[in-house]
Each structure stands twice: as C-alpha cells, then as structure tokens.
Protein backbone atom coordinates (compact mmCIF):
# COMPACT_ATOMS: atom_id res chain seq x y z
CA MET A 1 0.06 -0.02 0.04
CA THR A 2 2.75 2.49 -0.98
CA PRO A 3 2.16 5.11 -3.51
CA LEU A 4 4.13 3.22 -6.26
CA GLY A 5 3.72 -0.38 -4.67
CA ASN A 6 -0.16 -1.16 -5.12
CA LEU A 7 -2.18 -3.19 -7.52
CA PRO A 8 -3.96 -0.12 -9.04
CA THR A 9 -0.59 1.52 -10.05
CA TYR A 10 0.58 -1.97 -11.10
CA VAL A 11 -2.45 -2.42 -13.59
CA ASP A 12 -1.87 1.21 -14.76
CA LYS A 13 1.65 0.55 -15.61
CA LEU A 14 1.05 -2.60 -17.18
CA ILE A 15 -1.68 -1.02 -19.46
CA LEU A 16 -0.15 2.32 -20.00
CA GLY A 17 3.49 1.70 -19.85
CA HIS A 18 5.50 4.64 -20.07
CA LEU A 19 2.39 6.95 -20.56
CA HIS A 20 1.44 6.24 -16.96
CA TYR A 21 2.65 9.07 -14.73
CA GLY A 22 2.22 10.49 -11.13
CA GLU A 23 0.12 8.68 -8.31
CA ASN A 24 -3.19 8.83 -9.66
CA THR A 25 -4.70 5.52 -10.90
CA TRP A 26 -7.34 4.80 -13.52
CA PHE A 27 -8.26 1.34 -14.67
CA LEU A 28 -9.06 -0.44 -11.21
CA SER A 29 -10.17 2.82 -9.78
CA TYR A 30 -12.94 3.01 -12.49
CA LEU A 31 -14.78 0.52 -10.01
CA GLY A 32 -14.68 3.24 -7.41
CA PHE A 33 -15.65 5.95 -9.70
CA GLY A 34 -18.53 3.83 -10.60
CA ALA A 35 -19.61 3.23 -7.17
CA SER A 36 -19.44 6.90 -6.55
CA VAL A 37 -21.89 7.70 -9.35
CA LEU A 38 -24.14 4.99 -8.14
CA LEU A 39 -24.32 6.57 -4.86
CA GLY A 40 -25.38 9.69 -6.38
CA VAL A 41 -28.21 7.97 -8.14
CA VAL A 42 -29.29 6.75 -4.67
CA ALA A 43 -29.30 10.07 -3.52
CA GLY A 44 -31.28 11.26 -6.37
CA HIS A 45 -33.88 8.59 -5.68
CA ARG A 46 -33.92 9.59 -1.73
CA LEU A 47 -35.11 13.05 -3.11
CA MET A 48 -38.06 11.56 -5.29
CA PRO A 49 -41.40 13.37 -4.49
CA ASP A 50 -42.84 10.31 -2.81
CA CYS A 51 -42.80 11.69 0.81
CA THR A 52 -42.41 14.79 2.99
CA PRO A 53 -39.26 16.84 2.94
CA ARG A 54 -38.66 15.81 6.66
CA HIS A 55 -38.79 12.07 5.47
CA LYS A 56 -36.42 12.90 2.63
CA ILE A 57 -33.84 14.54 5.06
CA PHE A 58 -34.17 11.64 7.35
CA ARG A 59 -33.56 9.02 4.62
CA LEU A 60 -30.39 11.05 3.46
CA LEU A 61 -29.10 11.24 7.01
CA ILE A 62 -29.64 7.49 7.57
CA ALA A 63 -27.95 6.62 4.20
CA GLY A 64 -24.94 8.98 5.05
CA GLY A 65 -24.66 7.59 8.40
CA LEU A 66 -24.62 4.04 7.24
CA CYS A 67 -21.98 4.67 4.64
CA LEU A 68 -19.90 6.66 7.07
CA VAL A 69 -19.75 3.99 9.59
CA ILE A 70 -19.13 1.21 7.15
CA GLY A 71 -16.40 3.30 5.44
CA LEU A 72 -14.74 3.97 8.77
CA ILE A 73 -14.83 0.30 9.80
CA TRP A 74 -13.67 -0.82 6.25
CA SER A 75 -10.92 1.64 6.40
CA ARG A 76 -9.11 -0.29 9.21
CA SER A 77 -8.66 -3.21 6.71
CA PHE A 78 -8.53 -1.16 3.38
CA PRO A 79 -7.36 2.49 3.70
CA VAL A 80 -9.05 5.57 2.69
CA ILE A 81 -6.81 6.63 -0.44
CA LYS A 82 -8.35 9.28 -2.73
CA LEU A 83 -5.87 8.84 -5.47
CA MET A 84 -6.74 5.41 -5.84
CA TRP A 85 -10.47 5.93 -5.05
CA THR A 86 -10.59 3.07 -2.62
CA SER A 87 -13.86 1.57 -1.62
CA SER A 88 -13.37 3.06 2.05
CA TYR A 89 -12.98 6.49 0.40
CA VAL A 90 -16.09 5.90 -1.58
CA LEU A 91 -17.96 5.17 1.36
CA ILE A 92 -16.64 7.97 3.51
CA ALA A 93 -17.00 10.69 0.85
CA GLY A 94 -20.41 9.12 -0.29
CA GLY A 95 -21.67 9.40 3.74
CA LEU A 96 -20.44 12.81 4.10
CA SER A 97 -22.17 13.85 0.72
CA PHE A 98 -25.34 12.43 1.76
CA MET A 99 -25.19 14.49 4.98
CA ALA A 100 -24.19 17.57 3.09
CA LEU A 101 -27.12 17.12 0.60
CA ALA A 102 -29.33 16.72 3.62
CA LEU A 103 -28.17 19.88 5.21
CA PHE A 104 -28.49 21.84 1.87
CA PHE A 105 -31.81 20.28 1.13
CA TRP A 106 -33.24 21.42 4.50
CA ILE A 107 -31.87 24.88 4.20
CA ILE A 108 -32.90 25.48 0.73
CA ASP A 109 -35.89 23.38 0.06
CA ALA A 110 -37.35 22.65 3.36
CA ARG A 111 -36.87 26.10 5.10
CA GLY A 112 -37.00 27.99 1.70
CA TYR A 113 -33.69 30.00 2.16
CA GLN A 114 -32.94 30.13 -1.53
CA LYS A 115 -31.54 33.41 -2.37
CA TRP A 116 -28.10 33.01 -1.16
CA ALA A 117 -27.55 30.01 -3.26
CA PHE A 118 -28.03 31.70 -6.81
CA GLY A 119 -24.37 32.00 -7.19
CA PHE A 120 -24.27 28.10 -7.15
CA ILE A 121 -27.47 27.90 -9.24
CA VAL A 122 -25.42 29.81 -12.03
CA ILE A 123 -22.50 27.45 -11.75
CA GLY A 124 -24.66 24.28 -11.54
CA MET A 125 -26.77 25.09 -14.61
CA ASN A 126 -23.73 24.82 -16.76
CA SER A 127 -21.49 22.47 -14.75
CA ILE A 128 -20.48 20.40 -17.87
CA ALA A 129 -19.52 23.62 -19.80
CA VAL A 130 -17.51 25.15 -16.83
CA TYR A 131 -15.68 21.64 -16.36
CA VAL A 132 -14.59 21.37 -19.93
CA ALA A 133 -13.82 25.17 -20.36
CA THR A 134 -11.49 25.06 -17.27
CA GLU A 135 -9.69 21.95 -18.64
CA LEU A 136 -9.11 23.55 -22.15
CA PHE A 137 -8.28 26.96 -21.12
CA ASP A 138 -6.48 28.65 -18.20
CA PHE A 139 -8.57 31.42 -16.99
CA ARG A 140 -5.86 33.00 -14.77
CA LEU A 141 -4.60 34.48 -17.80
CA LEU A 142 -7.90 36.27 -18.62
CA GLY A 143 -8.02 37.21 -14.75
CA ASN A 144 -4.60 38.59 -14.86
CA VAL A 145 -5.78 41.24 -17.32
CA PHE A 146 -7.70 42.74 -14.38
CA VAL A 147 -5.31 41.97 -11.53
CA GLY A 148 -1.89 41.27 -13.26
CA ASN A 149 -0.35 44.67 -11.97
CA LEU A 150 -1.42 44.04 -8.71
CA LEU A 151 -0.04 40.67 -8.03
CA PRO A 152 3.75 41.61 -7.42
CA GLN A 153 2.68 44.09 -4.93
CA ILE A 154 0.65 41.68 -2.59
CA ASP A 155 3.25 38.76 -2.45
CA GLN A 156 1.85 36.08 -0.15
CA TRP A 157 -1.99 37.11 -1.41
CA GLY A 158 -1.01 36.97 -5.15
CA GLU A 159 -2.18 33.52 -5.57
CA LEU A 160 -5.47 33.93 -3.82
CA VAL A 161 -6.33 37.20 -5.84
CA GLU A 162 -5.29 35.44 -9.14
CA ALA A 163 -7.46 32.50 -8.38
CA SER A 164 -10.30 34.75 -7.46
CA ALA A 165 -10.06 37.00 -10.61
CA ALA A 166 -10.11 33.74 -12.65
CA PHE A 167 -12.88 32.36 -10.81
CA ALA A 168 -14.74 35.95 -11.39
CA VAL A 169 -14.32 35.53 -15.11
CA VAL A 170 -15.80 32.13 -15.29
CA TRP A 171 -18.63 33.06 -13.07
CA LEU A 172 -19.39 36.06 -15.11
CA ILE A 173 -19.28 34.05 -18.35
CA LEU A 174 -21.51 31.47 -16.76
CA TYR A 175 -23.93 34.37 -15.53
CA TRP A 176 -24.10 35.58 -19.05
CA MET A 177 -24.77 32.15 -20.34
CA TYR A 178 -27.55 31.83 -17.41
CA CYS A 179 -29.21 35.07 -18.56
CA LYS A 180 -29.29 33.98 -22.10
CA LYS A 181 -30.67 30.72 -21.16
CA GLN A 182 -27.92 28.80 -22.87
CA PHE A 183 -27.41 25.57 -21.18
CA VAL A 184 -24.91 22.90 -22.09
CA ARG A 185 -26.52 19.50 -21.44
CA ILE A 186 -25.36 15.82 -22.25
C-alpha cells in the first residue's frame, strides 16, 4: 500500500506503460468512480417526490450515516486513499455527501432560504460547460488582465487574488450564459 507499490498502479503501468504518470490511478479505480456515481443515483432517488421533506432528510441522513460508519470500519482493513479511489474512500466521501445534501436540502428546499444559493445555481446550470472550459483554457490568463499589475505588490496574497479573478471571470461567463438561457447538457 505504498504510492508506487499497489495493485491499481501496477495495472495502470501494465496497460499504459511509459504513459503512466504520477500517483493517480485509473483502470481499477473506475470501479470506485462507478460506485460514487451509483451513490449519487441513490441520493437522487432519496429526493423523489414520494414523501415529505422531513422524511427525505431523514432518509439522506440514514444513508449518510450508514455509508460513513461502514466506510470507517472498512478503512481499518482497506485504507482511505483518494488517489486510488478506494472503496473505503467511496463510502466515507459518499456518507459525507449524503449528509451535506441533507443539510442543503433542509436549508434551501425545506426552510426556503434560496436567494443565497443563486451563485451556485449559475454554476450548476452549466457545470459540464465550466468543467470542459477550465480543462481547455487557463482562466488565470484572462483574470490577470484585471489584477496582473497588482500581483507583484501583494506577495503572499497573489495566488489567492489571481485564483479569485479567474473564478470571477468564469462566473461572469456562466452568468451571461444563464441570462441568455444557454445551457450545455449531455
């Protein structure tokens, strides 16, 4: 169970050869990726309109608690390693995600506090577009048009300001898409 001495890395090197790089693993980790997706499907089913909001929250918290407890117990035998997307990582991350979903469902849907979440809605409506765009283009370059001259003067805060400017550019593009009702879907 070392970063380079594990079964997922061995399989990746066997398949990818010299193209394998870093500590991230892929082929055996797809099982964990798939399990994470299926936990998301379970969460979606927990939100189906067949019961009261209180019951939905209860079901999400139970699912989250079960995943978390099972993941913590399982982690004693099979460690939590995000880079390999181990099964214990899937369960713990899934459990925390169920609980976070319950919290936000309670705040936004059950209690009706929705206005504060508008910024997240803008991002969520084009999440695929923003993911692809940030993989293809470094938005720090565009953000630096606005803050580039400031960066040398603020030393330790430079990276935060640069990342914030890039985020602002991305969010404004997404907001423009939201206003134009341009949504990228699969």
